[in-house]
Amino acid sequence: MENGPAVFAAVVFLLFGAALLFWAGACALYRAPVAEGVRPAVAVPVTLLTAGVFLALGLWCLARL
C-alpha cells in the first residue's frame, strides 16, 4: 500500500526539480532575472541548489521502494 504514495512523491519531486533546473538554465542563458529583486549571482546558485535537492529527494523516494 505504501508504494503508491512513494511513487507519486518521487514523480512530483523529480518533475519539479527538473522543471526548476530547466527554468533556471533558460533564464541564465537569456540573461533574464531568475528571481525578482535578487542579484543573479545569488539567485542562480540558490535555484540550482534547490533543484538539486528536489532531484535528490525524488531519487531517494524511488530508492526506498
C-alpha atoms as a PDB file:
ATOM      1  CA  MET A   1       0.000   0.000   0.000  1.00  0.00           C
ATOM      2  CA  GLU A   2       2.864   2.430   0.701  1.00  0.00           C
ATOM      3  CA  ASN A   3       4.329   2.110  -2.813  1.00  0.00           C
ATOM      4  CA  GLY A   4       1.679   4.314  -4.407  1.00  0.00           C
ATOM      5  CA  PRO A   5       2.344   7.441  -2.335  1.00  0.00           C
ATOM      6  CA  ALA A   6       6.117   6.929  -2.560  1.00  0.00           C
ATOM      7  CA  VAL A   7       5.988   6.733  -6.345  1.00  0.00           C
ATOM      8  CA  PHE A   8       3.723   9.785  -6.502  1.00  0.00           C
ATOM      9  CA  ALA A   9       6.044  11.794  -4.233  1.00  0.00           C
ATOM     10  CA  ALA A  10       9.079  10.714  -6.250  1.00  0.00           C
ATOM     11  CA  VAL A  11       7.473  11.755  -9.533  1.00  0.00           C
ATOM     12  CA  VAL A  12       6.424  15.124  -8.106  1.00  0.00           C
ATOM     13  CA  PHE A  13       9.895  15.804  -6.709  1.00  0.00           C
ATOM     14  CA  LEU A  14      11.623  14.738  -9.933  1.00  0.00           C
ATOM     15  CA  LEU A  15       9.326  16.756 -12.188  1.00  0.00           C
ATOM     16  CA  PHE A  16       9.597  19.880 -10.047  1.00  0.00           C
ATOM     17  CA  GLY A  17      13.376  19.560  -9.753  1.00  0.00           C
ATOM     18  CA  ALA A  18      13.792  19.048 -13.496  1.00  0.00           C
ATOM     19  CA  ALA A  19      11.473  21.951 -14.331  1.00  0.00           C
ATOM     20  CA  LEU A  20      13.282  24.238 -11.892  1.00  0.00           C
ATOM     21  CA  LEU A  21      16.642  23.213 -13.345  1.00  0.00           C
ATOM     22  CA  PHE A  22      15.416  23.841 -16.896  1.00  0.00           C
ATOM     23  CA  TRP A  23      13.867  27.196 -15.958  1.00  0.00           C
ATOM     24  CA  ALA A  24      16.986  28.418 -14.166  1.00  0.00           C
ATOM     25  CA  GLY A  25      19.160  27.347 -17.067  1.00  0.00           C
ATOM     26  CA  ALA A  26      16.933  29.099 -19.593  1.00  0.00           C
ATOM     27  CA  CYS A  27      16.896  32.292 -17.521  1.00  0.00           C
ATOM     28  CA  ALA A  28      20.671  32.230 -17.155  1.00  0.00           C
ATOM     29  CA  LEU A  29      21.116  31.565 -20.876  1.00  0.00           C
ATOM     30  CA  TYR A  30      18.960  34.514 -21.902  1.00  0.00           C
ATOM     31  CA  ARG A  31      20.244  36.744 -19.071  1.00  0.00           C
ATOM     32  CA  ALA A  32      16.720  37.059 -17.687  1.00  0.00           C
ATOM     33  CA  PRO A  33      16.209  37.542 -13.952  1.00  0.00           C
ATOM     34  CA  VAL A  34      15.760  34.294 -12.088  1.00  0.00           C
ATOM     35  CA  ALA A  35      14.089  35.933  -9.083  1.00  0.00           C
ATOM     36  CA  GLU A  36      12.630  39.413  -8.958  1.00  0.00           C
ATOM     37  CA  GLY A  37      14.749  41.818  -6.936  1.00  0.00           C
ATOM     38  CA  VAL A  38      17.602  39.362  -6.274  1.00  0.00           C
ATOM     39  CA  ARG A  39      21.087  39.600  -7.755  1.00  0.00           C
ATOM     40  CA  PRO A  40      21.721  36.891 -10.393  1.00  0.00           C
ATOM     41  CA  ALA A  41      24.961  35.940  -8.636  1.00  0.00           C
ATOM     42  CA  VAL A  42      22.854  34.822  -5.671  1.00  0.00           C
ATOM     43  CA  ALA A  43      19.645  33.680  -7.361  1.00  0.00           C
ATOM     44  CA  VAL A  44      21.145  31.244  -9.892  1.00  0.00           C
ATOM     45  CA  PRO A  45      23.201  29.148  -7.431  1.00  0.00           C
ATOM     46  CA  VAL A  46      20.381  29.039  -4.877  1.00  0.00           C
ATOM     47  CA  THR A  47      17.909  27.962  -7.562  1.00  0.00           C
ATOM     48  CA  LEU A  48      20.282  25.298  -8.878  1.00  0.00           C
ATOM     49  CA  LEU A  49      20.925  24.045  -5.356  1.00  0.00           C
ATOM     50  CA  THR A  50      17.182  23.841  -4.704  1.00  0.00           C
ATOM     51  CA  ALA A  51      16.651  21.953  -7.959  1.00  0.00           C
ATOM     52  CA  GLY A  52      19.396  19.520  -6.972  1.00  0.00           C
ATOM     53  CA  VAL A  53      17.779  18.965  -3.577  1.00  0.00           C
ATOM     54  CA  PHE A  54      14.421  18.178  -5.182  1.00  0.00           C
ATOM     55  CA  LEU A  55      16.045  15.784  -7.662  1.00  0.00           C
ATOM     56  CA  ALA A  56      17.898  14.058  -4.822  1.00  0.00           C
ATOM     57  CA  LEU A  57      14.641  13.763  -2.834  1.00  0.00           C
ATOM     58  CA  GLY A  58      12.934  12.188  -5.840  1.00  0.00           C
ATOM     59  CA  LEU A  59      15.730   9.670  -6.270  1.00  0.00           C
ATOM     60  CA  TRP A  60      15.693   8.946  -2.544  1.00  0.00           C
ATOM     61  CA  CYS A  61      11.956   8.243  -2.688  1.00  0.00           C
ATOM     62  CA  LEU A  62      12.491   5.839  -5.580  1.00  0.00           C
ATOM     63  CA  ALA A  63      15.355   4.114  -3.783  1.00  0.00           C
ATOM     64  CA  ARG A  64      13.107   3.473  -0.762  1.00  0.00           C
ATOM     65  CA  LEU A  65      10.745   1.247  -2.790  1.00  0.00           C
END
